[in-house]
């Protein structure tokens, strides 16, 4: 009978990364994500649990009076104490791209016939560009994630959950009836969160499928999302996107041209390159050209 491992040894074994199987097989990006799909505005995780994303409006706490601040704090405390499930609060900061806005203003400035308005618009555009060169104008968005965990996942111990983060298991399938029952419970939890936020003075809106996908797109593709918007997800019919052809190669800079020893050599090479080549006449046998 093999010796039993103590809890510390078992935790170490569960935390180690197992050897990869099928190393030569190419996997798409979707294989490395923690969620399986987005349906009816609900994020379905690989372990079968569900998530709903609630977008919240900010409130200017610093401009409130002392009594209003106390009321907000007591309402927020009662909101948290009334929850029987965990929530996750996310604050997302993104840099605002004002290039298109300034280009539109410059187009209107070119069409402006009133010299006074044209001068004011010119000063406004100059001040905005100078401000962008000094600081980054950020846009903050606030989200509350409402989860629903299945009963099987809630029974796991801490070591099992830690091992699952390192070596995630396969996708957990569920029937349509199970999804509808869990969806109803999740919607009830989301309504509870929305009512609690309304007592604080925060407006809440549940994101739909398109908006949830755009949120993931902007989170995983920060640079691309600033210049390329995501289209309608209803037109996407491919279940997974894979790379075809040869695998991508690392970037290699083009070789630099050898610099001339002096300016005279450089000028001489430039004259030789620009001089048209003279074509010599070809003589055929018999003296005919």
C-alpha atoms as a PDB file:
ATOM      1  CA  UNK A   1       0.000   0.000   0.000  1.00  0.00           C
ATOM      2  CA  UNK A   2       1.554   3.331  -1.014  1.00  0.00           C
ATOM      3  CA  UNK A   3       2.226   5.807   1.795  1.00  0.00           C
ATOM      4  CA  UNK A   4      -0.350   8.508   2.352  1.00  0.00           C
ATOM      5  CA  UNK A   5       0.673  12.108   1.716  1.00  0.00           C
ATOM      6  CA  UNK A   6       0.200  14.718   4.400  1.00  0.00           C
ATOM      7  CA  UNK A   7      -1.942  17.794   3.599  1.00  0.00           C
ATOM      8  CA  UNK A   8       1.094  19.939   2.744  1.00  0.00           C
ATOM      9  CA  UNK A   9       2.454  17.370   0.291  1.00  0.00           C
ATOM     10  CA  UNK A  10      -0.965  16.888  -1.289  1.00  0.00           C
ATOM     11  CA  UNK A  11      -1.376  20.638  -1.676  1.00  0.00           C
ATOM     12  CA  UNK A  12       1.987  20.833  -3.427  1.00  0.00           C
ATOM     13  CA  UNK A  13       1.031  18.001  -5.781  1.00  0.00           C
ATOM     14  CA  UNK A  14      -2.265  19.687  -6.627  1.00  0.00           C
ATOM     15  CA  UNK A  15      -0.538  23.040  -7.234  1.00  0.00           C
ATOM     16  CA  UNK A  16       2.028  21.710  -9.711  1.00  0.00           C
ATOM     17  CA  UNK A  17       1.318  21.992 -13.401  1.00  0.00           C
ATOM     18  CA  UNK A  18       0.823  18.580 -15.029  1.00  0.00           C
ATOM     19  CA  UNK A  19       2.691  17.769 -18.257  1.00  0.00           C
ATOM     20  CA  UNK A  20       0.956  18.989 -21.365  1.00  0.00           C
ATOM     21  CA  UNK A  21      -0.654  16.381 -23.570  1.00  0.00           C
ATOM     22  CA  UNK A  22      -0.748  16.763 -27.305  1.00  0.00           C
ATOM     23  CA  UNK A  23       1.985  19.364 -27.420  1.00  0.00           C
ATOM     24  CA  UNK A  24       2.061  19.360 -31.190  1.00  0.00           C
ATOM     25  CA  UNK A  25      -1.638  20.195 -31.538  1.00  0.00           C
ATOM     26  CA  UNK A  26      -2.548  23.808 -32.213  1.00  0.00           C
ATOM     27  CA  UNK A  27      -5.223  25.327 -29.965  1.00  0.00           C
ATOM     28  CA  UNK A  28      -7.283  28.413 -30.573  1.00  0.00           C
ATOM     29  CA  UNK A  29      -7.547  31.358 -28.210  1.00  0.00           C
ATOM     30  CA  UNK A  30     -10.937  30.140 -26.980  1.00  0.00           C
ATOM     31  CA  UNK A  31      -9.264  27.121 -25.366  1.00  0.00           C
ATOM     32  CA  UNK A  32      -7.482  29.399 -22.871  1.00  0.00           C
ATOM     33  CA  UNK A  33     -10.552  31.368 -21.712  1.00  0.00           C
ATOM     34  CA  UNK A  34     -12.404  30.623 -18.479  1.00  0.00           C
ATOM     35  CA  UNK A  35     -15.872  30.998 -19.991  1.00  0.00           C
ATOM     36  CA  UNK A  36     -17.508  28.744 -22.553  1.00  0.00           C
ATOM     37  CA  UNK A  37     -20.161  30.978 -24.138  1.00  0.00           C
ATOM     38  CA  UNK A  38     -22.452  33.968 -23.690  1.00  0.00           C
ATOM     39  CA  UNK A  39     -26.174  33.285 -23.993  1.00  0.00           C
ATOM     40  CA  UNK A  40     -29.126  35.550 -23.193  1.00  0.00           C
ATOM     41  CA  UNK A  41     -26.788  38.058 -21.557  1.00  0.00           C
ATOM     42  CA  UNK A  42     -25.417  35.364 -19.222  1.00  0.00           C
ATOM     43  CA  UNK A  43     -21.787  34.272 -19.185  1.00  0.00           C
ATOM     44  CA  UNK A  44     -21.572  30.474 -18.908  1.00  0.00           C
ATOM     45  CA  UNK A  45     -18.324  29.393 -17.289  1.00  0.00           C
ATOM     46  CA  UNK A  46     -16.526  26.152 -18.067  1.00  0.00           C
ATOM     47  CA  UNK A  47     -17.430  24.678 -14.680  1.00  0.00           C
ATOM     48  CA  UNK A  48     -21.154  25.195 -15.340  1.00  0.00           C
ATOM     49  CA  UNK A  49     -21.575  28.294 -13.177  1.00  0.00           C
ATOM     50  CA  UNK A  50     -23.269  31.438 -14.495  1.00  0.00           C
ATOM     51  CA  UNK A  51     -22.498  35.154 -14.355  1.00  0.00           C
ATOM     52  CA  UNK A  52     -24.493  38.300 -15.063  1.00  0.00           C
ATOM     53  CA  UNK A  53     -22.841  41.688 -15.542  1.00  0.00           C
ATOM     54  CA  UNK A  54     -24.529  44.790 -14.131  1.00  0.00           C
ATOM     55  CA  UNK A  55     -23.270  48.205 -15.214  1.00  0.00           C
ATOM     56  CA  UNK A  56     -23.589  50.882 -12.521  1.00  0.00           C
ATOM     57  CA  UNK A  57     -23.677  54.649 -12.712  1.00  0.00           C
ATOM     58  CA  UNK A  58     -21.169  56.570 -10.542  1.00  0.00           C
ATOM     59  CA  UNK A  59     -22.132  58.976  -7.806  1.00  0.00           C
ATOM     60  CA  UNK A  60     -20.082  61.972  -6.698  1.00  0.00           C
ATOM     61  CA  UNK A  61     -19.596  61.141  -3.040  1.00  0.00           C
ATOM     62  CA  UNK A  62     -17.318  64.121  -2.325  1.00  0.00           C
ATOM     63  CA  UNK A  63     -19.985  66.669  -3.246  1.00  0.00           C
ATOM     64  CA  UNK A  64     -22.497  65.210  -0.791  1.00  0.00           C
ATOM     65  CA  UNK A  65     -23.204  66.766   2.561  1.00  0.00           C
ATOM     66  CA  UNK A  66     -22.314  65.042   5.827  1.00  0.00           C
ATOM     67  CA  UNK A  67     -25.840  63.727   6.357  1.00  0.00           C
ATOM     68  CA  UNK A  68     -26.041  62.467   2.771  1.00  0.00           C
ATOM     69  CA  UNK A  69     -22.707  60.673   3.156  1.00  0.00           C
ATOM     70  CA  UNK A  70     -23.912  58.958   6.328  1.00  0.00           C
ATOM     71  CA  UNK A  71     -27.114  57.883   4.591  1.00  0.00           C
ATOM     72  CA  UNK A  72     -25.151  56.426   1.657  1.00  0.00           C
ATOM     73  CA  UNK A  73     -22.784  54.551   3.964  1.00  0.00           C
ATOM     74  CA  UNK A  74     -25.603  53.054   6.057  1.00  0.00           C
ATOM     75  CA  UNK A  75     -27.520  52.085   2.902  1.00  0.00           C
ATOM     76  CA  UNK A  76     -24.422  50.439   1.414  1.00  0.00           C
ATOM     77  CA  UNK A  77     -23.774  48.582   4.663  1.00  0.00           C
ATOM     78  CA  UNK A  78     -27.341  47.295   4.711  1.00  0.00           C
ATOM     79  CA  UNK A  79     -27.048  46.290   1.053  1.00  0.00           C
ATOM     80  CA  UNK A  80     -23.947  44.166   1.699  1.00  0.00           C
ATOM     81  CA  UNK A  81     -25.375  42.591   4.859  1.00  0.00           C
ATOM     82  CA  UNK A  82     -28.549  41.631   3.022  1.00  0.00           C
ATOM     83  CA  UNK A  83     -26.748  39.567   0.381  1.00  0.00           C
ATOM     84  CA  UNK A  84     -26.610  35.795   0.831  1.00  0.00           C
ATOM     85  CA  UNK A  85     -24.256  35.307  -2.135  1.00  0.00           C
ATOM     86  CA  UNK A  86     -20.910  36.858  -3.130  1.00  0.00           C
ATOM     87  CA  UNK A  87     -20.548  39.637  -5.698  1.00  0.00           C
ATOM     88  CA  UNK A  88     -17.572  41.112  -7.512  1.00  0.00           C
ATOM     89  CA  UNK A  89     -17.086  44.853  -8.077  1.00  0.00           C
ATOM     90  CA  UNK A  90     -14.935  45.851 -11.056  1.00  0.00           C
ATOM     91  CA  UNK A  91     -13.680  49.337 -11.943  1.00  0.00           C
ATOM     92  CA  UNK A  92     -12.420  49.579 -15.527  1.00  0.00           C
ATOM     93  CA  UNK A  93     -10.320  52.539 -16.673  1.00  0.00           C
ATOM     94  CA  UNK A  94      -9.799  53.223 -20.351  1.00  0.00           C
ATOM     95  CA  UNK A  95      -8.092  56.056 -22.201  1.00  0.00           C
ATOM     96  CA  UNK A  96     -10.498  58.145 -24.249  1.00  0.00           C
ATOM     97  CA  UNK A  97      -9.611  58.490 -27.928  1.00  0.00           C
ATOM     98  CA  UNK A  98     -10.470  62.073 -28.941  1.00  0.00           C
ATOM     99  CA  UNK A  99      -8.757  62.080 -32.334  1.00  0.00           C
ATOM    100  CA  UNK A 100     -11.985  61.576 -34.276  1.00  0.00           C
ATOM    101  CA  UNK A 101     -13.692  64.251 -32.179  1.00  0.00           C
ATOM    102  CA  UNK A 102     -10.926  66.778 -32.880  1.00  0.00           C
ATOM    103  CA  UNK A 103     -10.893  65.905 -36.587  1.00  0.00           C
ATOM    104  CA  UNK A 104     -14.625  66.601 -36.728  1.00  0.00           C
ATOM    105  CA  UNK A 105     -14.083  69.959 -35.018  1.00  0.00           C
ATOM    106  CA  UNK A 106     -11.359  70.895 -37.487  1.00  0.00           C
ATOM    107  CA  UNK A 107     -13.702  70.056 -40.368  1.00  0.00           C
ATOM    108  CA  UNK A 108     -16.364  72.318 -38.866  1.00  0.00           C
ATOM    109  CA  UNK A 109     -13.734  74.990 -38.302  1.00  0.00           C
ATOM    110  CA  UNK A 110     -12.838  74.949 -42.004  1.00  0.00           C
ATOM    111  CA  UNK A 111     -16.520  75.455 -42.895  1.00  0.00           C
ATOM    112  CA  UNK A 112     -17.082  78.222 -40.326  1.00  0.00           C
ATOM    113  CA  UNK A 113     -17.732  81.643 -41.894  1.00  0.00           C
ATOM    114  CA  UNK A 114     -18.039  83.653 -38.686  1.00  0.00           C
ATOM    115  CA  UNK A 115     -14.512  84.851 -37.722  1.00  0.00           C
ATOM    116  CA  UNK A 116     -15.393  85.128 -34.012  1.00  0.00           C
ATOM    117  CA  UNK A 117     -16.678  81.563 -33.763  1.00  0.00           C
ATOM    118  CA  UNK A 118     -13.751  80.346 -35.851  1.00  0.00           C
ATOM    119  CA  UNK A 119     -11.277  81.928 -33.424  1.00  0.00           C
ATOM    120  CA  UNK A 120     -13.021  80.400 -30.415  1.00  0.00           C
ATOM    121  CA  UNK A 121     -13.078  76.959 -32.027  1.00  0.00           C
ATOM    122  CA  UNK A 122      -9.394  77.258 -32.933  1.00  0.00           C
ATOM    123  CA  UNK A 123      -8.483  78.105 -29.322  1.00  0.00           C
ATOM    124  CA  UNK A 124     -10.644  75.244 -28.030  1.00  0.00           C
ATOM    125  CA  UNK A 125      -8.994  72.704 -30.344  1.00  0.00           C
ATOM    126  CA  UNK A 126      -5.538  73.961 -29.391  1.00  0.00           C
ATOM    127  CA  UNK A 127      -6.295  73.694 -25.657  1.00  0.00           C
ATOM    128  CA  UNK A 128      -7.682  70.170 -25.995  1.00  0.00           C
ATOM    129  CA  UNK A 129      -4.646  68.955 -27.956  1.00  0.00           C
ATOM    130  CA  UNK A 130      -2.290  70.575 -25.453  1.00  0.00           C
ATOM    131  CA  UNK A 131      -4.174  68.884 -22.611  1.00  0.00           C
ATOM    132  CA  UNK A 132      -3.920  65.481 -24.325  1.00  0.00           C
ATOM    133  CA  UNK A 133      -0.162  65.916 -24.692  1.00  0.00           C
ATOM    134  CA  UNK A 134       0.207  66.498 -20.960  1.00  0.00           C
ATOM    135  CA  UNK A 135      -2.264  64.052 -19.374  1.00  0.00           C
ATOM    136  CA  UNK A 136      -4.381  61.058 -20.370  1.00  0.00           C
ATOM    137  CA  UNK A 137      -8.137  61.604 -20.160  1.00  0.00           C
ATOM    138  CA  UNK A 138      -9.559  58.410 -18.674  1.00  0.00           C
ATOM    139  CA  UNK A 139     -13.060  56.994 -18.690  1.00  0.00           C
ATOM    140  CA  UNK A 140     -14.072  54.887 -15.691  1.00  0.00           C
ATOM    141  CA  UNK A 141     -16.835  52.300 -15.804  1.00  0.00           C
ATOM    142  CA  UNK A 142     -18.216  50.364 -12.857  1.00  0.00           C
ATOM    143  CA  UNK A 143     -19.546  46.815 -13.007  1.00  0.00           C
ATOM    144  CA  UNK A 144     -21.013  44.375 -10.496  1.00  0.00           C
ATOM    145  CA  UNK A 145     -20.691  40.674 -11.326  1.00  0.00           C
ATOM    146  CA  UNK A 146     -23.475  38.498  -9.943  1.00  0.00           C
ATOM    147  CA  UNK A 147     -22.546  34.786  -9.885  1.00  0.00           C
ATOM    148  CA  UNK A 148     -24.467  31.554  -9.554  1.00  0.00           C
ATOM    149  CA  UNK A 149     -22.452  28.481  -8.610  1.00  0.00           C
ATOM    150  CA  UNK A 150     -23.750  24.973  -9.152  1.00  0.00           C
ATOM    151  CA  UNK A 151     -24.148  22.687  -6.142  1.00  0.00           C
ATOM    152  CA  UNK A 152     -21.379  20.326  -7.240  1.00  0.00           C
ATOM    153  CA  UNK A 153     -18.819  23.128  -7.462  1.00  0.00           C
ATOM    154  CA  UNK A 154     -19.763  24.483  -4.034  1.00  0.00           C
ATOM    155  CA  UNK A 155     -18.909  21.158  -2.337  1.00  0.00           C
ATOM    156  CA  UNK A 156     -15.242  21.250  -3.363  1.00  0.00           C
ATOM    157  CA  UNK A 157     -12.594  21.954  -0.740  1.00  0.00           C
ATOM    158  CA  UNK A 158      -9.989  24.691  -0.907  1.00  0.00           C
ATOM    159  CA  UNK A 159      -7.248  22.417  -2.275  1.00  0.00           C
ATOM    160  CA  UNK A 160      -9.505  21.246  -5.083  1.00  0.00           C
ATOM    161  CA  UNK A 161     -10.313  24.811  -6.064  1.00  0.00           C
ATOM    162  CA  UNK A 162      -6.616  25.749  -6.049  1.00  0.00           C
ATOM    163  CA  UNK A 163      -5.823  22.765  -8.222  1.00  0.00           C
ATOM    164  CA  UNK A 164      -8.602  23.764 -10.605  1.00  0.00           C
ATOM    165  CA  UNK A 165      -7.065  27.183 -11.129  1.00  0.00           C
ATOM    166  CA  UNK A 166      -3.755  25.634 -12.167  1.00  0.00           C
ATOM    167  CA  UNK A 167      -5.104  22.701 -14.185  1.00  0.00           C
ATOM    168  CA  UNK A 168      -8.682  23.567 -15.203  1.00  0.00           C
ATOM    169  CA  UNK A 169     -10.972  20.677 -15.872  1.00  0.00           C
ATOM    170  CA  UNK A 170     -13.033  20.127 -18.971  1.00  0.00           C
ATOM    171  CA  UNK A 171     -16.284  21.893 -19.782  1.00  0.00           C
ATOM    172  CA  UNK A 172     -19.283  20.916 -17.664  1.00  0.00           C
ATOM    173  CA  UNK A 173     -22.380  20.280 -19.755  1.00  0.00           C
ATOM    174  CA  UNK A 174     -25.895  21.092 -18.601  1.00  0.00           C
ATOM    175  CA  UNK A 175     -29.346  20.476 -19.974  1.00  0.00           C
ATOM    176  CA  UNK A 176     -31.720  23.180 -21.157  1.00  0.00           C
ATOM    177  CA  UNK A 177     -33.933  22.699 -18.085  1.00  0.00           C
ATOM    178  CA  UNK A 178     -30.953  23.047 -15.750  1.00  0.00           C
ATOM    179  CA  UNK A 179     -29.882  26.210 -17.532  1.00  0.00           C
ATOM    180  CA  UNK A 180     -33.361  27.727 -17.300  1.00  0.00           C
ATOM    181  CA  UNK A 181     -33.656  26.921 -13.580  1.00  0.00           C
ATOM    182  CA  UNK A 182     -30.250  28.387 -12.826  1.00  0.00           C
ATOM    183  CA  UNK A 183     -31.008  31.370 -15.037  1.00  0.00           C
ATOM    184  CA  UNK A 184     -34.190  32.123 -13.085  1.00  0.00           C
ATOM    185  CA  UNK A 185     -32.285  32.015  -9.804  1.00  0.00           C
ATOM    186  CA  UNK A 186     -29.562  34.246 -11.234  1.00  0.00           C
ATOM    187  CA  UNK A 187     -32.096  36.798 -12.489  1.00  0.00           C
ATOM    188  CA  UNK A 188     -33.637  36.916  -9.010  1.00  0.00           C
ATOM    189  CA  UNK A 189     -30.223  37.580  -7.500  1.00  0.00           C
ATOM    190  CA  UNK A 190     -29.530  40.285 -10.067  1.00  0.00           C
ATOM    191  CA  UNK A 191     -32.823  42.015  -9.238  1.00  0.00           C
ATOM    192  CA  UNK A 192     -31.855  41.965  -5.566  1.00  0.00           C
ATOM    193  CA  UNK A 193     -28.531  43.615  -6.399  1.00  0.00           C
ATOM    194  CA  UNK A 194     -30.223  46.242  -8.585  1.00  0.00           C
ATOM    195  CA  UNK A 195     -32.711  47.121  -5.828  1.00  0.00           C
ATOM    196  CA  UNK A 196     -29.921  47.392  -3.279  1.00  0.00           C
ATOM    197  CA  UNK A 197     -27.924  49.691  -5.536  1.00  0.00           C
ATOM    198  CA  UNK A 198     -30.998  51.840  -6.144  1.00  0.00           C
ATOM    199  CA  UNK A 199     -31.289  52.423  -2.365  1.00  0.00           C
ATOM    200  CA  UNK A 200     -27.801  53.959  -2.483  1.00  0.00           C
ATOM    201  CA  UNK A 201     -28.671  56.182  -5.435  1.00  0.00           C
ATOM    202  CA  UNK A 202     -26.804  54.115  -8.028  1.00  0.00           C
ATOM    203  CA  UNK A 203     -28.597  53.220 -11.243  1.00  0.00           C
ATOM    204  CA  UNK A 204     -28.010  49.698 -12.561  1.00  0.00           C
ATOM    205  CA  UNK A 205     -28.441  48.217 -16.038  1.00  0.00           C
ATOM    206  CA  UNK A 206     -27.941  44.559 -16.947  1.00  0.00           C
ATOM    207  CA  UNK A 207     -25.726  44.075 -19.993  1.00  0.00           C
ATOM    208  CA  UNK A 208     -27.149  42.177 -22.944  1.00  0.00           C
ATOM    209  CA  UNK A 209     -25.319  39.600 -25.037  1.00  0.00           C
ATOM    210  CA  UNK A 210     -23.839  42.109 -27.474  1.00  0.00           C
ATOM    211  CA  UNK A 211     -22.706  44.388 -24.665  1.00  0.00           C
ATOM    212  CA  UNK A 212     -21.137  41.530 -22.685  1.00  0.00           C
ATOM    213  CA  UNK A 213     -19.169  40.386 -25.735  1.00  0.00           C
ATOM    214  CA  UNK A 214     -18.017  43.955 -26.374  1.00  0.00           C
ATOM    215  CA  UNK A 215     -16.875  44.150 -22.747  1.00  0.00           C
ATOM    216  CA  UNK A 216     -14.774  41.004 -23.161  1.00  0.00           C
ATOM    217  CA  UNK A 217     -13.490  42.226 -26.517  1.00  0.00           C
ATOM    218  CA  UNK A 218     -12.336  45.514 -25.015  1.00  0.00           C
ATOM    219  CA  UNK A 219     -10.770  43.762 -22.011  1.00  0.00           C
ATOM    220  CA  UNK A 220      -8.755  41.199 -23.989  1.00  0.00           C
ATOM    221  CA  UNK A 221      -7.947  43.471 -26.974  1.00  0.00           C
ATOM    222  CA  UNK A 222      -7.258  46.885 -25.484  1.00  0.00           C
ATOM    223  CA  UNK A 223      -5.268  48.360 -28.380  1.00  0.00           C
ATOM    224  CA  UNK A 224      -7.496  46.931 -31.122  1.00  0.00           C
ATOM    225  CA  UNK A 225     -10.738  48.029 -29.445  1.00  0.00           C
ATOM    226  CA  UNK A 226      -9.629  51.687 -29.429  1.00  0.00           C
ATOM    227  CA  UNK A 227      -9.433  51.825 -33.240  1.00  0.00           C
ATOM    228  CA  UNK A 228     -11.614  48.926 -34.435  1.00  0.00           C
ATOM    229  CA  UNK A 229     -15.134  48.463 -33.104  1.00  0.00           C
ATOM    230  CA  UNK A 230     -16.742  45.049 -32.798  1.00  0.00           C
ATOM    231  CA  UNK A 231     -19.497  44.274 -35.290  1.00  0.00           C
ATOM    232  CA  UNK A 232     -22.841  42.637 -34.693  1.00  0.00           C
ATOM    233  CA  UNK A 233     -22.342  39.311 -32.948  1.00  0.00           C
ATOM    234  CA  UNK A 234     -25.424  37.867 -34.655  1.00  0.00           C
ATOM    235  CA  UNK A 235     -23.472  37.781 -37.901  1.00  0.00           C
ATOM    236  CA  UNK A 236     -20.664  35.696 -36.377  1.00  0.00           C
ATOM    237  CA  UNK A 237     -21.334  32.071 -37.315  1.00  0.00           C
ATOM    238  CA  UNK A 238     -17.856  30.555 -36.848  1.00  0.00           C
ATOM    239  CA  UNK A 239     -17.650  28.713 -33.511  1.00  0.00           C
ATOM    240  CA  UNK A 240     -13.869  29.142 -33.276  1.00  0.00           C
ATOM    241  CA  UNK A 241     -11.198  31.075 -35.123  1.00  0.00           C
ATOM    242  CA  UNK A 242      -7.991  29.255 -36.003  1.00  0.00           C
ATOM    243  CA  UNK A 243      -4.857  30.278 -37.870  1.00  0.00           C
ATOM    244  CA  UNK A 244      -4.389  28.730 -41.306  1.00  0.00           C
ATOM    245  CA  UNK A 245      -1.200  28.280 -43.297  1.00  0.00           C
ATOM    246  CA  UNK A 246       2.298  28.441 -41.882  1.00  0.00           C
ATOM    247  CA  UNK A 247       2.735  29.307 -38.189  1.00  0.00           C
ATOM    248  CA  UNK A 248       3.563  32.897 -37.364  1.00  0.00           C
ATOM    249  CA  UNK A 249       7.251  33.771 -37.347  1.00  0.00           C
ATOM    250  CA  UNK A 250       8.960  36.303 -35.091  1.00  0.00           C
ATOM    251  CA  UNK A 251       9.520  39.771 -36.464  1.00  0.00           C
ATOM    252  CA  UNK A 252      12.884  40.274 -38.120  1.00  0.00           C
ATOM    253  CA  UNK A 253      13.985  43.799 -39.079  1.00  0.00           C
ATOM    254  CA  UNK A 254      15.161  44.367 -42.627  1.00  0.00           C
ATOM    255  CA  UNK A 255      18.958  44.595 -43.046  1.00  0.00           C
ATOM    256  CA  UNK A 256      20.376  48.094 -43.009  1.00  0.00           C
ATOM    257  CA  UNK A 257      22.160  49.478 -46.030  1.00  0.00           C
ATOM    258  CA  UNK A 258      25.876  50.063 -45.703  1.00  0.00           C
ATOM    259  CA  UNK A 259      26.670  53.719 -45.095  1.00  0.00           C
ATOM    260  CA  UNK A 260      29.140  55.377 -47.520  1.00  0.00           C
ATOM    261  CA  UNK A 261      32.526  56.409 -46.254  1.00  0.00           C
ATOM    262  CA  UNK A 262      32.142  60.025 -47.352  1.00  0.00           C
ATOM    263  CA  UNK A 263      29.663  62.356 -49.040  1.00  0.00           C
ATOM    264  CA  UNK A 264      31.476  62.170 -52.380  1.00  0.00           C
ATOM    265  CA  UNK A 265      30.977  58.386 -52.599  1.00  0.00           C
ATOM    266  CA  UNK A 266      27.289  58.754 -51.733  1.00  0.00           C
ATOM    267  CA  UNK A 267      26.747  61.392 -54.432  1.00  0.00           C
ATOM    268  CA  UNK A 268      28.604  59.298 -56.993  1.00  0.00           C
ATOM    269  CA  UNK A 269      26.456  56.228 -56.228  1.00  0.00           C
ATOM    270  CA  UNK A 270      23.305  58.328 -56.534  1.00  0.00           C
ATOM    271  CA  UNK A 271      24.368  59.646 -59.957  1.00  0.00           C
ATOM    272  CA  UNK A 272      25.120  56.134 -61.185  1.00  0.00           C
ATOM    273  CA  UNK A 273      21.687  54.934 -60.054  1.00  0.00           C
ATOM    274  CA  UNK A 274      19.876  57.834 -61.776  1.00  0.00           C
ATOM    275  CA  UNK A 275      21.841  57.643 -65.096  1.00  0.00           C
ATOM    276  CA  UNK A 276      19.775  55.728 -67.681  1.00  0.00           C
ATOM    277  CA  UNK A 277      21.481  52.718 -69.144  1.00  0.00           C
ATOM    278  CA  UNK A 278      22.338  52.952 -72.860  1.00  0.00           C
ATOM    279  CA  UNK A 279      21.325  49.962 -74.897  1.00  0.00           C
ATOM    280  CA  UNK A 280      24.014  48.895 -77.367  1.00  0.00           C
ATOM    281  CA  UNK A 281      22.750  48.034 -80.875  1.00  0.00           C
ATOM    282  CA  UNK A 282      22.797  44.379 -81.683  1.00  0.00           C
ATOM    283  CA  UNK A 283      24.225  43.313 -85.112  1.00  0.00           C
ATOM    284  CA  UNK A 284      22.883  40.318 -86.839  1.00  0.00           C
ATOM    285  CA  UNK A 285      24.885  38.200 -89.260  1.00  0.00           C
ATOM    286  CA  UNK A 286      25.037  39.674 -92.762  1.00  0.00           C
ATOM    287  CA  UNK A 287      25.502  43.276 -91.629  1.00  0.00           C
ATOM    288  CA  UNK A 288      21.789  43.870 -90.899  1.00  0.00           C
ATOM    289  CA  UNK A 289      20.815  45.586 -87.676  1.00  0.00           C
END
